Amino acid sequence: MGKKIAIGCAGAVLVFLLIAGVSISGTYNSLVQLDQATQAQWAQVQNAYQRRADLVPNLVATVKGAANFEQSTMTAVTEARARVGQVTPAAMADITKDPAAFQRYQQAQQGLSSALSRLLVVSENYPQLKATANFRDLQAQLEGTENRITVERQRFNEAAQAFNTRRSSFPTVIIAGFFGDKFATKPYFQAQSGSEKAPEVKF
């Protein structure tokens, strides 16, 4: 009788461990899936920001052709783009797991947004510049890119929210804790004051 009880207990423990293993495995896999979705959306954000950065040299070169264009405005745009470019690939590797690095990256991008907005405002005072086909084309590309950045940032926030919600739920939060920073909470893009919409482009 005692032997049967022992075998029964061992069987129950084995079944429990099997169920726990399946549960942990399922939770781990769901976190991996949500983490990968966040990483994929982060790549889309980077693509949109890179597209904007690639437009800046041509935009600045075109603006330089306008007589007496504000040098301080062009310098601000150039310096802001340089600050964005100073973010190294190493710093970007785990940026979605490092809120401080994420915030620095966002601040650098917001600096470029502000500088570009200023350039577009100042350009209104230069009719000969606005009449240039190349400048009008660059304005249109910039507006489209700014809109794409807004969309991709929103989608990233949605992916991050899905991950964070799952990670913070019980018992997932306990399981996630076993893996250290691998499943760290994702940061969110925060709206910059006055940046609720893309820079206005008037023709």
C-alpha atoms as a PDB file:
ATOM      1  CA  MET A   1       0.000   0.000   0.000  1.00  0.00           C
ATOM      2  CA  GLY A   2       2.793   2.399   0.969  1.00  0.00           C
ATOM      3  CA  LYS A   3       4.570   1.654  -2.278  1.00  0.00           C
ATOM      4  CA  LYS A   4       1.437   2.428  -4.292  1.00  0.00           C
ATOM      5  CA  ILE A   5       1.005   5.735  -2.446  1.00  0.00           C
ATOM      6  CA  ALA A   6       4.640   6.625  -3.135  1.00  0.00           C
ATOM      7  CA  ILE A   7       4.219   5.806  -6.827  1.00  0.00           C
ATOM      8  CA  GLY A   8       0.997   7.818  -6.908  1.00  0.00           C
ATOM      9  CA  CYS A   9       2.691  10.813  -5.278  1.00  0.00           C
ATOM     10  CA  ALA A  10       5.627  10.573  -7.676  1.00  0.00           C
ATOM     11  CA  GLY A  11       3.189  10.444 -10.589  1.00  0.00           C
ATOM     12  CA  ALA A  12       1.321  13.469  -9.310  1.00  0.00           C
ATOM     13  CA  VAL A  13       4.575  15.411  -8.906  1.00  0.00           C
ATOM     14  CA  LEU A  14       5.621  14.408 -12.421  1.00  0.00           C
ATOM     15  CA  VAL A  15       2.287  15.557 -13.848  1.00  0.00           C
ATOM     16  CA  PHE A  16       2.572  18.840 -11.913  1.00  0.00           C
ATOM     17  CA  LEU A  17       6.096  19.438 -13.199  1.00  0.00           C
ATOM     18  CA  LEU A  18       4.983  18.650 -16.732  1.00  0.00           C
ATOM     19  CA  ILE A  19       2.085  21.098 -16.522  1.00  0.00           C
ATOM     20  CA  ALA A  20       4.338  23.760 -14.971  1.00  0.00           C
ATOM     21  CA  GLY A  21       6.937  23.207 -17.694  1.00  0.00           C
ATOM     22  CA  VAL A  22       4.364  23.552 -20.451  1.00  0.00           C
ATOM     23  CA  SER A  23       2.979  26.706 -18.801  1.00  0.00           C
ATOM     24  CA  ILE A  24       6.411  28.284 -18.411  1.00  0.00           C
ATOM     25  CA  SER A  25       7.325  27.338 -21.965  1.00  0.00           C
ATOM     26  CA  GLY A  26       4.124  28.889 -23.297  1.00  0.00           C
ATOM     27  CA  THR A  27       4.663  32.069 -21.310  1.00  0.00           C
ATOM     28  CA  TYR A  28       8.291  32.314 -22.438  1.00  0.00           C
ATOM     29  CA  ASN A  29       7.333  31.835 -26.062  1.00  0.00           C
ATOM     30  CA  SER A  30       4.610  34.467 -25.868  1.00  0.00           C
ATOM     31  CA  LEU A  31       7.097  36.964 -24.400  1.00  0.00           C
ATOM     32  CA  VAL A  32       9.578  36.160 -27.153  1.00  0.00           C
ATOM     33  CA  GLN A  33       6.891  36.713 -29.774  1.00  0.00           C
ATOM     34  CA  LEU A  34       5.835  40.066 -28.322  1.00  0.00           C
ATOM     35  CA  ASP A  35       9.464  41.114 -27.860  1.00  0.00           C
ATOM     36  CA  GLN A  36      10.212  40.319 -31.500  1.00  0.00           C
ATOM     37  CA  ALA A  37       7.156  42.298 -32.595  1.00  0.00           C
ATOM     38  CA  THR A  38       8.465  45.272 -30.642  1.00  0.00           C
ATOM     39  CA  GLN A  39      11.928  44.909 -32.149  1.00  0.00           C
ATOM     40  CA  ALA A  40      10.471  44.713 -35.649  1.00  0.00           C
ATOM     41  CA  GLN A  41       8.457  47.872 -35.084  1.00  0.00           C
ATOM     42  CA  TRP A  42      11.512  49.604 -33.628  1.00  0.00           C
ATOM     43  CA  ALA A  43      13.322  48.841 -36.905  1.00  0.00           C
ATOM     44  CA  GLN A  44      10.506  50.623 -38.755  1.00  0.00           C
ATOM     45  CA  VAL A  45      10.930  53.669 -36.502  1.00  0.00           C
ATOM     46  CA  GLN A  46      14.651  53.709 -37.247  1.00  0.00           C
ATOM     47  CA  ASN A  47      13.996  53.447 -40.986  1.00  0.00           C
ATOM     48  CA  ALA A  48      11.705  56.466 -40.884  1.00  0.00           C
ATOM     49  CA  TYR A  49      14.181  58.502 -38.854  1.00  0.00           C
ATOM     50  CA  GLN A  50      17.014  57.496 -41.200  1.00  0.00           C
ATOM     51  CA  ARG A  51      14.965  58.606 -44.175  1.00  0.00           C
ATOM     52  CA  ARG A  52      14.605  62.030 -42.584  1.00  0.00           C
ATOM     53  CA  ALA A  53      18.304  62.244 -41.755  1.00  0.00           C
ATOM     54  CA  ASP A  54      19.119  61.400 -45.375  1.00  0.00           C
ATOM     55  CA  LEU A  55      16.973  64.310 -46.576  1.00  0.00           C
ATOM     56  CA  VAL A  56      18.760  66.902 -44.439  1.00  0.00           C
ATOM     57  CA  PRO A  57      21.999  67.319 -46.476  1.00  0.00           C
ATOM     58  CA  ASN A  58      20.057  67.961 -49.703  1.00  0.00           C
ATOM     59  CA  LEU A  59      17.687  70.304 -47.894  1.00  0.00           C
ATOM     60  CA  VAL A  60      20.547  72.308 -46.392  1.00  0.00           C
ATOM     61  CA  ALA A  61      22.381  72.411 -49.730  1.00  0.00           C
ATOM     62  CA  THR A  62      19.252  73.735 -51.440  1.00  0.00           C
ATOM     63  CA  VAL A  63      18.664  76.350 -48.749  1.00  0.00           C
ATOM     64  CA  LYS A  64      22.247  77.576 -49.066  1.00  0.00           C
ATOM     65  CA  GLY A  65      21.350  78.709 -52.554  1.00  0.00           C
ATOM     66  CA  ALA A  66      18.943  81.303 -51.154  1.00  0.00           C
ATOM     67  CA  ALA A  67      20.586  84.687 -50.752  1.00  0.00           C
ATOM     68  CA  ASN A  68      21.075  85.803 -47.138  1.00  0.00           C
ATOM     69  CA  PHE A  69      19.307  82.780 -45.675  1.00  0.00           C
ATOM     70  CA  GLU A  70      19.688  82.696 -41.889  1.00  0.00           C
ATOM     71  CA  GLN A  71      23.009  80.996 -41.217  1.00  0.00           C
ATOM     72  CA  SER A  72      22.048  80.232 -37.632  1.00  0.00           C
ATOM     73  CA  THR A  73      19.057  78.197 -38.814  1.00  0.00           C
ATOM     74  CA  MET A  74      21.140  76.106 -41.208  1.00  0.00           C
ATOM     75  CA  THR A  75      23.777  75.594 -38.512  1.00  0.00           C
ATOM     76  CA  ALA A  76      21.114  74.437 -36.040  1.00  0.00           C
ATOM     77  CA  VAL A  77      19.806  71.850 -38.519  1.00  0.00           C
ATOM     78  CA  THR A  78      23.298  70.594 -39.349  1.00  0.00           C
ATOM     79  CA  GLU A  79      24.288  70.318 -35.695  1.00  0.00           C
ATOM     80  CA  ALA A  80      21.021  68.583 -34.763  1.00  0.00           C
ATOM     81  CA  ARG A  81      21.552  66.016 -37.506  1.00  0.00           C
ATOM     82  CA  ALA A  82      25.123  65.476 -36.295  1.00  0.00           C
ATOM     83  CA  ARG A  83      23.845  64.777 -32.769  1.00  0.00           C
ATOM     84  CA  VAL A  84      21.457  62.169 -34.160  1.00  0.00           C
ATOM     85  CA  GLY A  85      24.347  60.607 -36.056  1.00  0.00           C
ATOM     86  CA  GLN A  86      26.438  60.349 -32.894  1.00  0.00           C
ATOM     87  CA  VAL A  87      24.214  57.589 -31.549  1.00  0.00           C
ATOM     88  CA  THR A  88      26.434  54.549 -32.080  1.00  0.00           C
ATOM     89  CA  PRO A  89      25.218  51.127 -33.244  1.00  0.00           C
ATOM     90  CA  ALA A  90      26.373  49.720 -29.897  1.00  0.00           C
ATOM     91  CA  ALA A  91      24.150  52.191 -28.047  1.00  0.00           C
ATOM     92  CA  MET A  92      21.238  51.239 -30.304  1.00  0.00           C
ATOM     93  CA  ALA A  93      21.615  47.481 -29.768  1.00  0.00           C
ATOM     94  CA  ASP A  94      19.571  47.243 -26.567  1.00  0.00           C
ATOM     95  CA  ILE A  95      17.953  50.669 -26.614  1.00  0.00           C
ATOM     96  CA  THR A  96      14.429  49.274 -26.168  1.00  0.00           C
ATOM     97  CA  LYS A  97      15.604  47.755 -22.881  1.00  0.00           C
ATOM     98  CA  ASP A  98      17.378  50.895 -21.635  1.00  0.00           C
ATOM     99  CA  PRO A  99      14.960  53.756 -20.808  1.00  0.00           C
ATOM    100  CA  ALA A 100      17.796  56.271 -20.298  1.00  0.00           C
ATOM    101  CA  ALA A 101      19.363  55.531 -23.702  1.00  0.00           C
ATOM    102  CA  PHE A 102      15.911  55.547 -25.291  1.00  0.00           C
ATOM    103  CA  GLN A 103      15.210  58.984 -23.843  1.00  0.00           C
ATOM    104  CA  ARG A 104      18.548  60.363 -25.089  1.00  0.00           C
ATOM    105  CA  TYR A 105      17.798  59.044 -28.560  1.00  0.00           C
ATOM    106  CA  GLN A 106      14.332  60.587 -28.484  1.00  0.00           C
ATOM    107  CA  GLN A 107      15.735  63.940 -27.337  1.00  0.00           C
ATOM    108  CA  ALA A 108      18.260  63.953 -30.184  1.00  0.00           C
ATOM    109  CA  GLN A 109      15.489  63.260 -32.695  1.00  0.00           C
ATOM    110  CA  GLN A 110      13.274  65.936 -31.154  1.00  0.00           C
ATOM    111  CA  GLY A 111      16.144  68.393 -31.496  1.00  0.00           C
ATOM    112  CA  LEU A 112      16.286  67.670 -35.226  1.00  0.00           C
ATOM    113  CA  SER A 113      12.501  67.966 -35.485  1.00  0.00           C
ATOM    114  CA  SER A 114      12.610  71.408 -33.879  1.00  0.00           C
ATOM    115  CA  ALA A 115      15.467  72.580 -36.089  1.00  0.00           C
ATOM    116  CA  LEU A 116      13.712  71.421 -39.253  1.00  0.00           C
ATOM    117  CA  SER A 117      10.465  73.074 -38.172  1.00  0.00           C
ATOM    118  CA  ARG A 118      12.362  76.323 -37.674  1.00  0.00           C
ATOM    119  CA  LEU A 119      13.953  76.011 -41.115  1.00  0.00           C
ATOM    120  CA  LEU A 120      10.547  75.569 -42.755  1.00  0.00           C
ATOM    121  CA  VAL A 121       9.158  78.584 -40.923  1.00  0.00           C
ATOM    122  CA  VAL A 122      12.117  80.760 -41.912  1.00  0.00           C
ATOM    123  CA  SER A 123      11.885  79.599 -45.535  1.00  0.00           C
ATOM    124  CA  GLU A 124       8.499  81.359 -45.757  1.00  0.00           C
ATOM    125  CA  ASN A 125      10.449  84.634 -45.864  1.00  0.00           C
ATOM    126  CA  TYR A 126      12.310  83.601 -49.035  1.00  0.00           C
ATOM    127  CA  PRO A 127       9.919  83.533 -52.028  1.00  0.00           C
ATOM    128  CA  GLN A 128      12.746  82.687 -54.442  1.00  0.00           C
ATOM    129  CA  LEU A 129      13.554  79.607 -52.359  1.00  0.00           C
ATOM    130  CA  LYS A 130       9.927  78.500 -52.180  1.00  0.00           C
ATOM    131  CA  ALA A 131       9.714  78.851 -55.956  1.00  0.00           C
ATOM    132  CA  THR A 132      12.544  76.331 -56.424  1.00  0.00           C
ATOM    133  CA  ALA A 133      11.217  72.977 -57.624  1.00  0.00           C
ATOM    134  CA  ASN A 134      13.904  71.063 -55.748  1.00  0.00           C
ATOM    135  CA  PHE A 135      13.031  72.781 -52.469  1.00  0.00           C
ATOM    136  CA  ARG A 136       9.317  72.133 -52.938  1.00  0.00           C
ATOM    137  CA  ASP A 137      10.068  68.468 -53.618  1.00  0.00           C
ATOM    138  CA  LEU A 138      12.216  68.212 -50.507  1.00  0.00           C
ATOM    139  CA  GLN A 139       9.497  69.883 -48.437  1.00  0.00           C
ATOM    140  CA  ALA A 140       6.962  67.341 -49.655  1.00  0.00           C
ATOM    141  CA  GLN A 141       9.330  64.457 -48.906  1.00  0.00           C
ATOM    142  CA  LEU A 142      10.039  65.861 -45.458  1.00  0.00           C
ATOM    143  CA  GLU A 143       6.349  66.244 -44.671  1.00  0.00           C
ATOM    144  CA  GLY A 144       5.682  62.673 -45.776  1.00  0.00           C
ATOM    145  CA  THR A 145       8.585  61.414 -43.695  1.00  0.00           C
ATOM    146  CA  GLU A 146       7.440  63.300 -40.598  1.00  0.00           C
ATOM    147  CA  ASN A 147       4.000  61.753 -40.981  1.00  0.00           C
ATOM    148  CA  ARG A 148       5.579  58.301 -41.350  1.00  0.00           C
ATOM    149  CA  ILE A 149       7.642  58.880 -38.199  1.00  0.00           C
ATOM    150  CA  THR A 150       4.467  59.732 -36.282  1.00  0.00           C
ATOM    151  CA  VAL A 151       2.758  56.557 -37.523  1.00  0.00           C
ATOM    152  CA  GLU A 152       5.733  54.287 -36.787  1.00  0.00           C
ATOM    153  CA  ARG A 153       6.204  55.748 -33.311  1.00  0.00           C
ATOM    154  CA  GLN A 154       2.536  55.136 -32.541  1.00  0.00           C
ATOM    155  CA  ARG A 155       2.818  51.555 -33.766  1.00  0.00           C
ATOM    156  CA  PHE A 156       5.927  51.051 -31.650  1.00  0.00           C
ATOM    157  CA  ASN A 157       4.085  52.318 -28.582  1.00  0.00           C
ATOM    158  CA  GLU A 158       1.250  49.892 -29.314  1.00  0.00           C
ATOM    159  CA  ALA A 159       3.700  46.981 -29.640  1.00  0.00           C
ATOM    160  CA  ALA A 160       5.489  48.062 -26.456  1.00  0.00           C
ATOM    161  CA  GLN A 161       2.163  48.323 -24.609  1.00  0.00           C
ATOM    162  CA  ALA A 162       1.183  44.802 -25.703  1.00  0.00           C
ATOM    163  CA  PHE A 163       4.513  43.481 -24.440  1.00  0.00           C
ATOM    164  CA  ASN A 164       4.410  45.424 -21.165  1.00  0.00           C
ATOM    165  CA  THR A 165       0.822  44.381 -20.441  1.00  0.00           C
ATOM    166  CA  ARG A 166       1.667  40.734 -20.956  1.00  0.00           C
ATOM    167  CA  ARG A 167       4.900  41.009 -18.992  1.00  0.00           C
ATOM    168  CA  SER A 168       3.226  42.683 -16.020  1.00  0.00           C
ATOM    169  CA  SER A 169       0.405  40.164 -15.765  1.00  0.00           C
ATOM    170  CA  PHE A 170       0.476  37.360 -13.213  1.00  0.00           C
ATOM    171  CA  PRO A 171       2.153  34.871 -13.274  1.00  0.00           C
ATOM    172  CA  THR A 172       4.088  36.101 -16.336  1.00  0.00           C
ATOM    173  CA  VAL A 173       5.788  38.797 -14.279  1.00  0.00           C
ATOM    174  CA  ILE A 174       7.343  36.115 -12.076  1.00  0.00           C
ATOM    175  CA  ILE A 175       8.531  34.041 -15.012  1.00  0.00           C
ATOM    176  CA  ALA A 176       9.910  37.120 -16.814  1.00  0.00           C
ATOM    177  CA  GLY A 177      11.884  37.976 -13.698  1.00  0.00           C
ATOM    178  CA  PHE A 178      13.807  34.702 -14.011  1.00  0.00           C
ATOM    179  CA  PHE A 179      15.357  35.929 -17.260  1.00  0.00           C
ATOM    180  CA  GLY A 180      16.773  39.228 -15.988  1.00  0.00           C
ATOM    181  CA  ASP A 181      16.930  42.031 -18.570  1.00  0.00           C
ATOM    182  CA  LYS A 182      15.965  39.778 -21.465  1.00  0.00           C
ATOM    183  CA  PHE A 183      12.335  40.729 -20.954  1.00  0.00           C
ATOM    184  CA  ALA A 184      12.803  44.209 -19.486  1.00  0.00           C
ATOM    185  CA  THR A 185       9.839  46.595 -19.674  1.00  0.00           C
ATOM    186  CA  LYS A 186       9.772  48.560 -22.935  1.00  0.00           C
ATOM    187  CA  PRO A 187       9.902  52.383 -22.894  1.00  0.00           C
ATOM    188  CA  TYR A 188       7.418  54.535 -24.797  1.00  0.00           C
ATOM    189  CA  PHE A 189       7.818  57.484 -27.105  1.00  0.00           C
ATOM    190  CA  GLN A 190       6.521  60.593 -25.380  1.00  0.00           C
ATOM    191  CA  ALA A 191       5.031  63.490 -27.318  1.00  0.00           C
ATOM    192  CA  GLN A 192       7.193  66.583 -27.373  1.00  0.00           C
ATOM    193  CA  SER A 193       5.465  69.745 -26.305  1.00  0.00           C
ATOM    194  CA  GLY A 194       4.126  71.432 -29.424  1.00  0.00           C
ATOM    195  CA  SER A 195       4.851  68.437 -31.667  1.00  0.00           C
ATOM    196  CA  GLU A 196       1.376  66.980 -31.853  1.00  0.00           C
ATOM    197  CA  LYS A 197       1.502  67.297 -35.630  1.00  0.00           C
ATOM    198  CA  ALA A 198       4.146  67.184 -38.326  1.00  0.00           C
ATOM    199  CA  PRO A 199       5.784  70.460 -39.388  1.00  0.00           C
ATOM    200  CA  GLU A 200       3.352  72.436 -41.510  1.00  0.00           C
ATOM    201  CA  VAL A 201       4.437  72.764 -45.113  1.00  0.00           C
ATOM    202  CA  LYS A 202       2.904  75.546 -47.154  1.00  0.00           C
ATOM    203  CA  PHE A 203       3.346  76.032 -50.876  1.00  0.00           C
END
